[in-house]
Amino acid sequence: MLDHIYIGVSDLERSAAFYAGALEPLGMSEVFRRPGDVAFGAGGRPRFFIRSGGGKEPVHVAFEAADRPTVDRFHAMALAAGGRDNGAPGPREYHPSYYGAFVLDPDGHNVEAVCHR
């Protein structure tokens, strides 16, 4: 299990707005800011950081969702926050109960919400 992760972004404010909308259905919100970084998490604990000065090498980040409707909300809100569709919510071939949705953030990072039930 990951404790936290950093990804680089080319425009910190644009990406902060995207992740604020995309992560809200997953129970995450902005925890703090400092020059060049924005941290998102739950319960005051930072788990996901974006850092200015990156975005050249796209990464894949998957966030666990409590249930399938949460995956659906993540996808809708991520698109509303400026993300680009990279796979509508639905079952995937990875295993029989895998249900995920994929969006590309403003830098082309592949961001997923997944439910394993």
PDB file of N, CA and C in Angstrom:
ATOM      1  N   MET A   1       0.856  -1.186   0.000  1.00  0.00           N
ATOM      2  CA  MET A   1       0.000   0.000   0.000  1.00  0.00           C
ATOM      3  C   MET A   1       0.894   1.239   0.000  1.00  0.00           C
ATOM      4  N   LEU A   2       0.512   2.223  -0.785  1.00  0.00           N
ATOM      5  CA  LEU A   2       1.261   3.472  -0.839  1.00  0.00           C
ATOM      6  C   LEU A   2       0.909   4.351   0.352  1.00  0.00           C
ATOM      7  N   ASP A   3       1.919   5.041   0.867  1.00  0.00           N
ATOM      8  CA  ASP A   3       1.684   6.034   1.905  1.00  0.00           C
ATOM      9  C   ASP A   3       1.363   7.380   1.272  1.00  0.00           C
ATOM     10  N   HIS A   4       2.143   7.759   0.260  1.00  0.00           N
ATOM     11  CA  HIS A   4       1.866   8.985  -0.482  1.00  0.00           C
ATOM     12  C   HIS A   4       2.600   8.934  -1.821  1.00  0.00           C
ATOM     13  N   ILE A   5       2.200   9.823  -2.723  1.00  0.00           N
ATOM     14  CA  ILE A   5       2.818   9.892  -4.040  1.00  0.00           C
ATOM     15  C   ILE A   5       2.853  11.345  -4.493  1.00  0.00           C
ATOM     16  N   TYR A   6       3.913  11.705  -5.212  1.00  0.00           N
ATOM     17  CA  TYR A   6       4.057  13.014  -5.843  1.00  0.00           C
ATOM     18  C   TYR A   6       4.031  12.815  -7.351  1.00  0.00           C
ATOM     19  N   ILE A   7       3.377  13.730  -8.058  1.00  0.00           N
ATOM     20  CA  ILE A   7       3.513  13.776  -9.513  1.00  0.00           C
ATOM     21  C   ILE A   7       3.791  15.213  -9.918  1.00  0.00           C
ATOM     22  N   GLY A   8       4.543  15.367 -10.979  1.00  0.00           N
ATOM     23  CA  GLY A   8       4.852  16.683 -11.493  1.00  0.00           C
ATOM     24  C   GLY A   8       3.772  17.175 -12.431  1.00  0.00           C
ATOM     25  N   VAL A   9       3.496  18.478 -12.364  1.00  0.00           N
ATOM     26  CA  VAL A   9       2.490  19.094 -13.232  1.00  0.00           C
ATOM     27  C   VAL A   9       3.070  20.366 -13.839  1.00  0.00           C
ATOM     28  N   SER A  10       2.572  20.734 -15.000  1.00  0.00           N
ATOM     29  CA  SER A  10       3.101  21.916 -15.684  1.00  0.00           C
ATOM     30  C   SER A  10       2.454  23.217 -15.205  1.00  0.00           C
ATOM     31  N   ASP A  11       1.228  23.159 -14.704  1.00  0.00           N
ATOM     32  CA  ASP A  11       0.514  24.348 -14.236  1.00  0.00           C
ATOM     33  C   ASP A  11      -0.156  23.976 -12.908  1.00  0.00           C
ATOM     34  N   LEU A  12       0.445  24.393 -11.808  1.00  0.00           N
ATOM     35  CA  LEU A  12      -0.007  23.972 -10.479  1.00  0.00           C
ATOM     36  C   LEU A  12      -1.458  24.366 -10.205  1.00  0.00           C
ATOM     37  N   GLU A  13      -1.846  25.585 -10.528  1.00  0.00           N
ATOM     38  CA  GLU A  13      -3.215  26.036 -10.230  1.00  0.00           C
ATOM     39  C   GLU A  13      -4.248  25.282 -11.062  1.00  0.00           C
ATOM     40  N   ARG A  14      -3.976  25.099 -12.333  1.00  0.00           N
ATOM     41  CA  ARG A  14      -4.907  24.360 -13.198  1.00  0.00           C
ATOM     42  C   ARG A  14      -5.065  22.924 -12.710  1.00  0.00           C
ATOM     43  N   SER A  15      -3.956  22.293 -12.366  1.00  0.00           N
ATOM     44  CA  SER A  15      -4.016  20.913 -11.881  1.00  0.00           C
ATOM     45  C   SER A  15      -4.655  20.825 -10.499  1.00  0.00           C
ATOM     46  N   ALA A  16      -4.425  21.810  -9.639  1.00  0.00           N
ATOM     47  CA  ALA A  16      -5.062  21.811  -8.316  1.00  0.00           C
ATOM     48  C   ALA A  16      -6.569  21.881  -8.461  1.00  0.00           C
ATOM     49  N   ALA A  17      -7.058  22.693  -9.388  1.00  0.00           N
ATOM     50  CA  ALA A  17      -8.503  22.781  -9.622  1.00  0.00           C
ATOM     51  C   ALA A  17      -9.042  21.461 -10.161  1.00  0.00           C
ATOM     52  N   PHE A  18      -8.318  20.836 -11.092  1.00  0.00           N
ATOM     53  CA  PHE A  18      -8.734  19.546 -11.630  1.00  0.00           C
ATOM     54  C   PHE A  18      -8.838  18.506 -10.515  1.00  0.00           C
ATOM     55  N   TYR A  19      -7.785  18.354  -9.719  1.00  0.00           N
ATOM     56  CA  TYR A  19      -7.790  17.319  -8.683  1.00  0.00           C
ATOM     57  C   TYR A  19      -8.783  17.616  -7.562  1.00  0.00           C
ATOM     58  N   ALA A  20      -9.034  18.876  -7.263  1.00  0.00           N
ATOM     59  CA  ALA A  20     -10.050  19.197  -6.255  1.00  0.00           C
ATOM     60  C   ALA A  20     -11.406  18.648  -6.684  1.00  0.00           C
ATOM     61  N   GLY A  21     -11.753  18.797  -7.956  1.00  0.00           N
ATOM     62  CA  GLY A  21     -13.020  18.265  -8.455  1.00  0.00           C
ATOM     63  C   GLY A  21     -13.007  16.752  -8.609  1.00  0.00           C
ATOM     64  N   ALA A  22     -11.925  16.222  -9.164  1.00  0.00           N
ATOM     65  CA  ALA A  22     -11.865  14.785  -9.449  1.00  0.00           C
ATOM     66  C   ALA A  22     -11.802  13.938  -8.183  1.00  0.00           C
ATOM     67  N   LEU A  23     -11.127  14.410  -7.147  1.00  0.00           N
ATOM     68  CA  LEU A  23     -10.925  13.596  -5.948  1.00  0.00           C
ATOM     69  C   LEU A  23     -12.029  13.743  -4.904  1.00  0.00           C
ATOM     70  N   GLU A  24     -12.872  14.756  -5.051  1.00  0.00           N
ATOM     71  CA  GLU A  24     -13.948  14.965  -4.075  1.00  0.00           C
ATOM     72  C   GLU A  24     -14.845  13.735  -3.913  1.00  0.00           C
ATOM     73  N   PRO A  25     -15.275  13.062  -4.994  1.00  0.00           N
ATOM     74  CA  PRO A  25     -16.119  11.879  -4.804  1.00  0.00           C
ATOM     75  C   PRO A  25     -15.411  10.750  -4.060  1.00  0.00           C
ATOM     76  N   LEU A  26     -14.082  10.782  -4.050  1.00  0.00           N
ATOM     77  CA  LEU A  26     -13.309   9.736  -3.389  1.00  0.00           C
ATOM     78  C   LEU A  26     -12.995  10.098  -1.941  1.00  0.00           C
ATOM     79  N   GLY A  27     -13.582  11.193  -1.452  1.00  0.00           N
ATOM     80  CA  GLY A  27     -13.395  11.595  -0.062  1.00  0.00           C
ATOM     81  C   GLY A  27     -12.100  12.333   0.202  1.00  0.00           C
ATOM     82  N   MET A  28     -11.465  12.825  -0.853  1.00  0.00           N
ATOM     83  CA  MET A  28     -10.200  13.545  -0.696  1.00  0.00           C
ATOM     84  C   MET A  28     -10.398  15.017  -1.031  1.00  0.00           C
ATOM     85  N   SER A  29      -9.674  15.862  -0.316  1.00  0.00           N
ATOM     86  CA  SER A  29      -9.707  17.299  -0.578  1.00  0.00           C
ATOM     87  C   SER A  29      -8.311  17.863  -0.334  1.00  0.00           C
ATOM     88  N   GLU A  30      -8.147  19.135  -0.656  1.00  0.00           N
ATOM     89  CA  GLU A  30      -6.856  19.771  -0.432  1.00  0.00           C
ATOM     90  C   GLU A  30      -6.570  19.811   1.067  1.00  0.00           C
ATOM     91  N   VAL A  31      -5.396  19.350   1.448  1.00  0.00           N
ATOM     92  CA  VAL A  31      -4.989  19.331   2.853  1.00  0.00           C
ATOM     93  C   VAL A  31      -4.115  20.540   3.159  1.00  0.00           C
ATOM     94  N   PHE A  32      -3.171  20.846   2.279  1.00  0.00           N
ATOM     95  CA  PHE A  32      -2.349  22.040   2.466  1.00  0.00           C
ATOM     96  C   PHE A  32      -1.649  22.403   1.170  1.00  0.00           C
ATOM     97  N   ARG A  33      -1.129  23.641   1.177  1.00  0.00           N
ATOM     98  CA  ARG A  33      -0.310  24.160   0.079  1.00  0.00           C
ATOM     99  C   ARG A  33       0.968  24.708   0.664  1.00  0.00           C
ATOM    100  N   ARG A  34       2.003  24.598  -0.127  1.00  0.00           N
ATOM    101  CA  ARG A  34       3.245  25.301   0.157  1.00  0.00           C
ATOM    102  C   ARG A  34       3.818  25.682  -1.200  1.00  0.00           C
ATOM    103  N   PRO A  35       4.773  26.567  -1.256  1.00  0.00           N
ATOM    104  CA  PRO A  35       5.266  26.992  -2.564  1.00  0.00           C
ATOM    105  C   PRO A  35       5.674  25.796  -3.440  1.00  0.00           C
ATOM    106  N   GLY A  36       4.999  25.669  -4.573  1.00  0.00           N
ATOM    107  CA  GLY A  36       5.304  24.632  -5.536  1.00  0.00           C
ATOM    108  C   GLY A  36       4.623  23.298  -5.333  1.00  0.00           C
ATOM    109  N   ASP A  37       3.878  23.111  -4.231  1.00  0.00           N
ATOM    110  CA  ASP A  37       3.221  21.837  -3.930  1.00  0.00           C
ATOM    111  C   ASP A  37       1.784  22.067  -3.462  1.00  0.00           C
ATOM    112  N   VAL A  38       0.918  21.132  -3.799  1.00  0.00           N
ATOM    113  CA  VAL A  38      -0.434  21.064  -3.230  1.00  0.00           C
ATOM    114  C   VAL A  38      -0.648  19.613  -2.812  1.00  0.00           C
ATOM    115  N   ALA A  39      -1.131  19.424  -1.586  1.00  0.00           N
ATOM    116  CA  ALA A  39      -1.363  18.078  -1.051  1.00  0.00           C
ATOM    117  C   ALA A  39      -2.848  17.827  -0.911  1.00  0.00           C
ATOM    118  N   PHE A  40      -3.274  16.621  -1.289  1.00  0.00           N
ATOM    119  CA  PHE A  40      -4.658  16.173  -1.153  1.00  0.00           C
ATOM    120  C   PHE A  40      -4.676  14.941  -0.259  1.00  0.00           C
ATOM    121  N   GLY A  41      -5.750  14.785   0.497  1.00  0.00           N
ATOM    122  CA  GLY A  41      -5.875  13.615   1.354  1.00  0.00           C
ATOM    123  C   GLY A  41      -7.220  13.606   2.042  1.00  0.00           C
ATOM    124  N   ALA A  42      -7.291  12.822   3.115  1.00  0.00           N
ATOM    125  CA  ALA A  42      -8.516  12.715   3.906  1.00  0.00           C
ATOM    126  C   ALA A  42      -8.136  12.727   5.376  1.00  0.00           C
ATOM    127  N   GLY A  43      -9.018  13.270   6.198  1.00  0.00           N
ATOM    128  CA  GLY A  43      -8.753  13.305   7.621  1.00  0.00           C
ATOM    129  C   GLY A  43      -7.517  14.107   7.979  1.00  0.00           C
ATOM    130  N   GLY A  44      -7.173  15.090   7.155  1.00  0.00           N
ATOM    131  CA  GLY A  44      -6.005  15.910   7.416  1.00  0.00           C
ATOM    132  C   GLY A  44      -4.676  15.268   7.040  1.00  0.00           C
ATOM    133  N   ARG A  45      -4.705  14.053   6.537  1.00  0.00           N
ATOM    134  CA  ARG A  45      -3.471  13.344   6.196  1.00  0.00           C
ATOM    135  C   ARG A  45      -3.212  13.434   4.700  1.00  0.00           C
ATOM    136  N   PRO A  46      -2.095  14.043   4.305  1.00  0.00           N
ATOM    137  CA  PRO A  46      -1.787  14.130   2.878  1.00  0.00           C
ATOM    138  C   PRO A  46      -1.378  12.778   2.319  1.00  0.00           C
ATOM    139  N   ARG A  47      -1.929  12.459   1.134  1.00  0.00           N
ATOM    140  CA  ARG A  47      -1.637  11.190   0.466  1.00  0.00           C
ATOM    141  C   ARG A  47      -1.172  11.377  -0.969  1.00  0.00           C
ATOM    142  N   PHE A  48      -1.645  12.435  -1.604  1.00  0.00           N
ATOM    143  CA  PHE A  48      -1.380  12.653  -3.022  1.00  0.00           C
ATOM    144  C   PHE A  48      -0.920  14.089  -3.203  1.00  0.00           C
ATOM    145  N   PHE A  49       0.273  14.265  -3.758  1.00  0.00           N
ATOM    146  CA  PHE A  49       0.853  15.589  -3.929  1.00  0.00           C
ATOM    147  C   PHE A  49       1.042  15.882  -5.410  1.00  0.00           C
ATOM    148  N   ILE A  50       0.788  17.139  -5.781  1.00  0.00           N
ATOM    149  CA  ILE A  50       1.182  17.605  -7.104  1.00  0.00           C
ATOM    150  C   ILE A  50       2.255  18.665  -6.890  1.00  0.00           C
ATOM    151  N   ARG A  51       3.235  18.655  -7.787  1.00  0.00           N
ATOM    152  CA  ARG A  51       4.385  19.550  -7.653  1.00  0.00           C
ATOM    153  C   ARG A  51       4.608  20.250  -8.981  1.00  0.00           C
ATOM    154  N   SER A  52       4.830  21.564  -8.928  1.00  0.00           N
ATOM    155  CA  SER A  52       5.072  22.307 -10.165  1.00  0.00           C
ATOM    156  C   SER A  52       6.428  21.927 -10.753  1.00  0.00           C
ATOM    157  N   GLY A  53       6.515  22.109 -12.062  1.00  0.00           N
ATOM    158  CA  GLY A  53       7.769  21.853 -12.749  1.00  0.00           C
ATOM    159  C   GLY A  53       7.885  20.464 -13.329  1.00  0.00           C
ATOM    160  N   GLY A  54       6.768  19.841 -13.599  1.00  0.00           N
ATOM    161  CA  GLY A  54       6.830  18.491 -14.157  1.00  0.00           C
ATOM    162  C   GLY A  54       5.802  18.320 -15.238  1.00  0.00           C
ATOM    163  N   GLY A  55       5.298  17.111 -15.339  1.00  0.00           N
ATOM    164  CA  GLY A  55       4.264  16.814 -16.304  1.00  0.00           C
ATOM    165  C   GLY A  55       4.782  16.318 -17.638  1.00  0.00           C
ATOM    166  N   LYS A  56       6.097  16.125 -17.750  1.00  0.00           N
ATOM    167  CA  LYS A  56       6.655  15.691 -19.032  1.00  0.00           C
ATOM    168  C   LYS A  56       6.545  14.182 -19.241  1.00  0.00           C
ATOM    169  N   GLU A  57       6.582  13.414 -18.180  1.00  0.00           N
ATOM    170  CA  GLU A  57       6.478  11.962 -18.252  1.00  0.00           C
ATOM    171  C   GLU A  57       5.168  11.531 -17.603  1.00  0.00           C
ATOM    172  N   PRO A  58       4.143  11.210 -18.386  1.00  0.00           N
ATOM    173  CA  PRO A  58       2.858  10.832 -17.798  1.00  0.00           C
ATOM    174  C   PRO A  58       2.982   9.592 -16.904  1.00  0.00           C
ATOM    175  N   VAL A  59       2.211   9.593 -15.836  1.00  0.00           N
ATOM    176  CA  VAL A  59       2.149   8.465 -14.909  1.00  0.00           C
ATOM    177  C   VAL A  59       0.715   7.963 -14.839  1.00  0.00           C
ATOM    178  N   HIS A  60       0.550   6.797 -14.235  1.00  0.00           N
ATOM    179  CA  HIS A  60      -0.781   6.246 -13.987  1.00  0.00           C
ATOM    180  C   HIS A  60      -0.977   6.177 -12.480  1.00  0.00           C
ATOM    181  N   VAL A  61      -2.065   6.760 -12.000  1.00  0.00           N
ATOM    182  CA  VAL A  61      -2.402   6.733 -10.578  1.00  0.00           C
ATOM    183  C   VAL A  61      -3.817   6.194 -10.466  1.00  0.00           C
ATOM    184  N   ALA A  62      -4.005   5.174  -9.622  1.00  0.00           N
ATOM    185  CA  ALA A  62      -5.339   4.602  -9.397  1.00  0.00           C
ATOM    186  C   ALA A  62      -5.743   4.834  -7.946  1.00  0.00           C
ATOM    187  N   PHE A  63      -6.921   5.422  -7.761  1.00  0.00           N
ATOM    188  CA  PHE A  63      -7.477   5.667  -6.438  1.00  0.00           C
ATOM    189  C   PHE A  63      -8.584   4.657  -6.180  1.00  0.00           C
ATOM    190  N   GLU A  64      -8.611   4.110  -4.986  1.00  0.00           N
ATOM    191  CA  GLU A  64      -9.645   3.141  -4.626  1.00  0.00           C
ATOM    192  C   GLU A  64     -10.954   3.866  -4.344  1.00  0.00           C
ATOM    193  N   ALA A  65     -12.035   3.349  -4.892  1.00  0.00           N
ATOM    194  CA  ALA A  65     -13.372   3.886  -4.655  1.00  0.00           C
ATOM    195  C   ALA A  65     -14.172   2.895  -3.817  1.00  0.00           C
ATOM    196  N   ALA A  66     -15.058   3.414  -2.998  1.00  0.00           N
ATOM    197  CA  ALA A  66     -15.846   2.575  -2.089  1.00  0.00           C
ATOM    198  C   ALA A  66     -16.823   1.663  -2.828  1.00  0.00           C
ATOM    199  N   ASP A  67     -17.348   2.164  -3.961  1.00  0.00           N
ATOM    200  CA  ASP A  67     -18.350   1.391  -4.687  1.00  0.00           C
ATOM    201  C   ASP A  67     -18.414   1.889  -6.132  1.00  0.00           C
ATOM    202  N   ARG A  68     -19.205   1.215  -6.937  1.00  0.00           N
ATOM    203  CA  ARG A  68     -19.301   1.557  -8.360  1.00  0.00           C
ATOM    204  C   ARG A  68     -19.918   2.936  -8.610  1.00  0.00           C
ATOM    205  N   PRO A  69     -20.957   3.345  -7.868  1.00  0.00           N
ATOM    206  CA  PRO A  69     -21.462   4.698  -8.085  1.00  0.00           C
ATOM    207  C   PRO A  69     -20.414   5.785  -7.809  1.00  0.00           C
ATOM    208  N   THR A  70     -19.493   5.525  -6.898  1.00  0.00           N
ATOM    209  CA  THR A  70     -18.421   6.489  -6.632  1.00  0.00           C
ATOM    210  C   THR A  70     -17.476   6.578  -7.819  1.00  0.00           C
ATOM    211  N   VAL A  71     -17.196   5.458  -8.467  1.00  0.00           N
ATOM    212  CA  VAL A  71     -16.387   5.474  -9.694  1.00  0.00           C
ATOM    213  C   VAL A  71     -17.089   6.326 -10.748  1.00  0.00           C
ATOM    214  N   ASP A  72     -18.393   6.150 -10.889  1.00  0.00           N
ATOM    215  CA  ASP A  72     -19.165   6.934 -11.857  1.00  0.00           C
ATOM    216  C   ASP A  72     -19.085   8.429 -11.550  1.00  0.00           C
ATOM    217  N   ARG A  73     -19.222   8.785 -10.271  1.00  0.00           N
ATOM    218  CA  ARG A  73     -19.145  10.204  -9.864  1.00  0.00           C
ATOM    219  C   ARG A  73     -17.763  10.764 -10.120  1.00  0.00           C
ATOM    220  N   PHE A  74     -16.729   9.993  -9.795  1.00  0.00           N
ATOM    221  CA  PHE A  74     -15.356  10.425 -10.056  1.00  0.00           C
ATOM    222  C   PHE A  74     -15.205  10.798 -11.530  1.00  0.00           C
ATOM    223  N   HIS A  75     -15.636   9.914 -12.422  1.00  0.00           N
ATOM    224  CA  HIS A  75     -15.478  10.144 -13.859  1.00  0.00           C
ATOM    225  C   HIS A  75     -16.214  11.414 -14.277  1.00  0.00           C
ATOM    226  N   ALA A  76     -17.450  11.561 -13.854  1.00  0.00           N
ATOM    227  CA  ALA A  76     -18.244  12.739 -14.220  1.00  0.00           C
ATOM    228  C   ALA A  76     -17.617  14.022 -13.693  1.00  0.00           C
ATOM    229  N   MET A  77     -17.194  14.004 -12.442  1.00  0.00           N
ATOM    230  CA  MET A  77     -16.627  15.222 -11.850  1.00  0.00           C
ATOM    231  C   MET A  77     -15.247  15.529 -12.405  1.00  0.00           C
ATOM    232  N   ALA A  78     -14.465  14.500 -12.727  1.00  0.00           N
ATOM    233  CA  ALA A  78     -13.159  14.734 -13.334  1.00  0.00           C
ATOM    234  C   ALA A  78     -13.314  15.371 -14.713  1.00  0.00           C
ATOM    235  N   LEU A  79     -14.295  14.921 -15.486  1.00  0.00           N
ATOM    236  CA  LEU A  79     -14.554  15.541 -16.787  1.00  0.00           C
ATOM    237  C   LEU A  79     -15.024  16.978 -16.614  1.00  0.00           C
ATOM    238  N   ALA A  80     -15.901  17.206 -15.637  1.00  0.00           N
ATOM    239  CA  ALA A  80     -16.396  18.564 -15.379  1.00  0.00           C
ATOM    240  C   ALA A  80     -15.273  19.495 -14.920  1.00  0.00           C
ATOM    241  N   ALA A  81     -14.246  18.916 -14.292  1.00  0.00           N
ATOM    242  CA  ALA A  81     -13.120  19.710 -13.799  1.00  0.00           C
ATOM    243  C   ALA A  81     -12.041  19.910 -14.864  1.00  0.00           C
ATOM    244  N   GLY A  82     -12.292  19.459 -16.088  1.00  0.00           N
ATOM    245  CA  GLY A  82     -11.355  19.699 -17.180  1.00  0.00           C
ATOM    246  C   GLY A  82     -10.563  18.501 -17.642  1.00  0.00           C
ATOM    247  N   GLY A  83     -10.847  17.326 -17.083  1.00  0.00           N
ATOM    248  CA  GLY A  83     -10.162  16.113 -17.528  1.00  0.00           C
ATOM    249  C   GLY A  83     -10.680  15.648 -18.882  1.00  0.00           C
ATOM    250  N   ARG A  84      -9.918  14.765 -19.522  1.00  0.00           N
ATOM    251  CA  ARG A  84     -10.324  14.180 -20.795  1.00  0.00           C
ATOM    252  C   ARG A  84     -10.598  12.691 -20.586  1.00  0.00           C
ATOM    253  N   ASP A  85     -11.666  12.221 -21.149  1.00  0.00           N
ATOM    254  CA  ASP A  85     -12.042  10.819 -21.003  1.00  0.00           C
ATOM    255  C   ASP A  85     -10.940   9.910 -21.544  1.00  0.00           C
ATOM    256  N   ASN A  86     -10.621   8.880 -20.765  1.00  0.00           N
ATOM    257  CA  ASN A  86      -9.656   7.869 -21.206  1.00  0.00           C
ATOM    258  C   ASN A  86     -10.188   6.471 -20.910  1.00  0.00           C
ATOM    259  N   GLY A  87     -11.495   6.365 -20.711  1.00  0.00           N
ATOM    260  CA  GLY A  87     -12.137   5.083 -20.432  1.00  0.00           C
ATOM    261  C   GLY A  87     -13.328   5.277 -19.514  1.00  0.00           C
ATOM    262  N   ALA A  88     -14.517   5.220 -20.078  1.00  0.00           N
ATOM    263  CA  ALA A  88     -15.747   5.442 -19.299  1.00  0.00           C
ATOM    264  C   ALA A  88     -15.884   4.391 -18.199  1.00  0.00           C
ATOM    265  N   PRO A  89     -16.659   4.701 -17.158  1.00  0.00           N
ATOM    266  CA  PRO A  89     -16.865   3.735 -16.077  1.00  0.00           C
ATOM    267  C   PRO A  89     -17.425   2.417 -16.614  1.00  0.00           C
ATOM    268  N   GLY A  90     -16.892   1.325 -16.095  1.00  0.00           N
ATOM    269  CA  GLY A  90     -17.391   0.026 -16.491  1.00  0.00           C
ATOM    270  C   GLY A  90     -16.483  -1.095 -16.047  1.00  0.00           C
ATOM    271  N   PRO A  91     -16.936  -2.324 -16.257  1.00  0.00           N
ATOM    272  CA  PRO A  91     -16.113  -3.490 -15.919  1.00  0.00           C
ATOM    273  C   PRO A  91     -14.866  -3.525 -16.807  1.00  0.00           C
ATOM    274  N   ARG A  92     -13.818  -4.098 -16.260  1.00  0.00           N
ATOM    275  CA  ARG A  92     -12.575  -4.278 -17.009  1.00  0.00           C
ATOM    276  C   ARG A  92     -12.202  -5.751 -16.954  1.00  0.00           C
ATOM    277  N   GLU A  93     -11.356  -6.167 -17.883  1.00  0.00           N
ATOM    278  CA  GLU A  93     -10.989  -7.576 -18.001  1.00  0.00           C
ATOM    279  C   GLU A  93      -9.956  -8.019 -16.962  1.00  0.00           C
ATOM    280  N   TYR A  94      -9.468  -7.129 -16.122  1.00  0.00           N
ATOM    281  CA  TYR A  94      -8.400  -7.463 -15.182  1.00  0.00           C
ATOM    282  C   TYR A  94      -8.789  -8.578 -14.210  1.00  0.00           C
ATOM    283  N   HIS A  95     -10.007  -8.542 -13.709  1.00  0.00           N
ATOM    284  CA  HIS A  95     -10.593  -9.636 -12.930  1.00  0.00           C
ATOM    285  C   HIS A  95     -12.100  -9.416 -12.900  1.00  0.00           C
ATOM    286  N   PRO A  96     -12.892 -10.431 -12.546  1.00  0.00           N
ATOM    287  CA  PRO A  96     -14.354 -10.354 -12.711  1.00  0.00           C
ATOM    288  C   PRO A  96     -15.050  -9.196 -11.985  1.00  0.00           C
ATOM    289  N   SER A  97     -14.511  -8.726 -10.858  1.00  0.00           N
ATOM    290  CA  SER A  97     -15.213  -7.657 -10.148  1.00  0.00           C
ATOM    291  C   SER A  97     -14.544  -6.287 -10.311  1.00  0.00           C
ATOM    292  N   TYR A  98     -13.603  -6.176 -11.245  1.00  0.00           N
ATOM    293  CA  TYR A  98     -12.897  -4.904 -11.465  1.00  0.00           C
ATOM    294  C   TYR A  98     -13.826  -3.940 -12.195  1.00  0.00           C
ATOM    295  N   TYR A  99     -14.030  -2.750 -11.612  1.00  0.00           N
ATOM    296  CA  TYR A  99     -14.872  -1.714 -12.206  1.00  0.00           C
ATOM    297  C   TYR A  99     -14.091  -0.412 -12.099  1.00  0.00           C
ATOM    298  N   GLY A 100     -13.759   0.182 -13.217  1.00  0.00           N
ATOM    299  CA  GLY A 100     -12.933   1.376 -13.186  1.00  0.00           C
ATOM    300  C   GLY A 100     -13.340   2.413 -14.204  1.00  0.00           C
ATOM    301  N   ALA A 101     -12.772   3.599 -14.026  1.00  0.00           N
ATOM    302  CA  ALA A 101     -12.942   4.708 -14.959  1.00  0.00           C
ATOM    303  C   ALA A 101     -11.613   5.445 -15.045  1.00  0.00           C
ATOM    304  N   PHE A 102     -11.311   5.965 -16.228  1.00  0.00           N
ATOM    305  CA  PHE A 102     -10.029   6.604 -16.474  1.00  0.00           C
ATOM    306  C   PHE A 102     -10.234   7.986 -17.086  1.00  0.00           C
ATOM    307  N   VAL A 103      -9.436   8.945 -16.610  1.00  0.00           N
ATOM    308  CA  VAL A 103      -9.404  10.286 -17.195  1.00  0.00           C
ATOM    309  C   VAL A 103      -7.953  10.723 -17.317  1.00  0.00           C
ATOM    310  N   LEU A 104      -7.696  11.607 -18.265  1.00  0.00           N
ATOM    311  CA  LEU A 104      -6.384  12.224 -18.384  1.00  0.00           C
ATOM    312  C   LEU A 104      -6.445  13.595 -17.734  1.00  0.00           C
ATOM    313  N   ASP A 105      -5.496  13.877 -16.844  1.00  0.00           N
ATOM    314  CA  ASP A 105      -5.450  15.186 -16.199  1.00  0.00           C
ATOM    315  C   ASP A 105      -4.881  16.208 -17.178  1.00  0.00           C
ATOM    316  N   PRO A 106      -4.739  17.484 -16.780  1.00  0.00           N
ATOM    317  CA  PRO A 106      -4.262  18.501 -17.721  1.00  0.00           C
ATOM    318  C   PRO A 106      -2.888  18.224 -18.315  1.00  0.00           C
ATOM    319  N   ASP A 107      -2.064  17.400 -17.667  1.00  0.00           N
ATOM    320  CA  ASP A 107      -0.740  17.073 -18.191  1.00  0.00           C
ATOM    321  C   ASP A 107      -0.684  15.730 -18.888  1.00  0.00           C
ATOM    322  N   GLY A 108      -1.818  15.046 -19.004  1.00  0.00           N
ATOM    323  CA  GLY A 108      -1.846  13.754 -19.664  1.00  0.00           C
ATOM    324  C   GLY A 108      -1.602  12.572 -18.745  1.00  0.00           C
ATOM    325  N   HIS A 109      -1.539  12.813 -17.419  1.00  0.00           N
ATOM    326  CA  HIS A 109      -1.424  11.703 -16.472  1.00  0.00           C
ATOM    327  C   HIS A 109      -2.730  10.916 -16.496  1.00  0.00           C
ATOM    328  N   ASN A 110      -2.645   9.596 -16.494  1.00  0.00           N
ATOM    329  CA  ASN A 110      -3.818   8.727 -16.515  1.00  0.00           C
ATOM    330  C   ASN A 110      -4.277   8.496 -15.072  1.00  0.00           C
ATOM    331  N   VAL A 111      -5.445   9.024 -14.725  1.00  0.00           N
ATOM    332  CA  VAL A 111      -5.953   8.970 -13.363  1.00  0.00           C
ATOM    333  C   VAL A 111      -7.174   8.053 -13.367  1.00  0.00           C
ATOM    334  N   GLU A 112      -7.179   7.090 -12.472  1.00  0.00           N
ATOM    335  CA  GLU A 112      -8.223   6.075 -12.426  1.00  0.00           C
ATOM    336  C   GLU A 112      -8.872   6.051 -11.049  1.00  0.00           C
ATOM    337  N   ALA A 113     -10.151   5.742 -11.034  1.00  0.00           N
ATOM    338  CA  ALA A 113     -10.851   5.331  -9.816  1.00  0.00           C
ATOM    339  C   ALA A 113     -11.304   3.903 -10.058  1.00  0.00           C
ATOM    340  N   VAL A 114     -11.103   3.039  -9.044  1.00  0.00           N
ATOM    341  CA  VAL A 114     -11.404   1.625  -9.223  1.00  0.00           C
ATOM    342  C   VAL A 114     -12.099   1.076  -7.988  1.00  0.00           C
ATOM    343  N   CYS A 115     -13.058   0.202  -8.235  1.00  0.00           N
ATOM    344  CA  CYS A 115     -13.749  -0.543  -7.190  1.00  0.00           C
ATOM    345  C   CYS A 115     -13.534  -2.015  -7.506  1.00  0.00           C
ATOM    346  N   HIS A 116     -13.162  -2.788  -6.498  1.00  0.00           N
ATOM    347  CA  HIS A 116     -12.906  -4.226  -6.694  1.00  0.00           C
ATOM    348  C   HIS A 116     -14.070  -5.081  -6.205  1.00  0.00           C
ATOM    349  N   ARG A 117     -15.252  -4.492  -6.061  1.00  0.00           N
ATOM    350  CA  ARG A 117     -16.432  -5.237  -5.617  1.00  0.00           C
ATOM    351  C   ARG A 117     -17.495  -5.175  -6.682  1.00  0.00           C
TER     352      ARG A 117
END
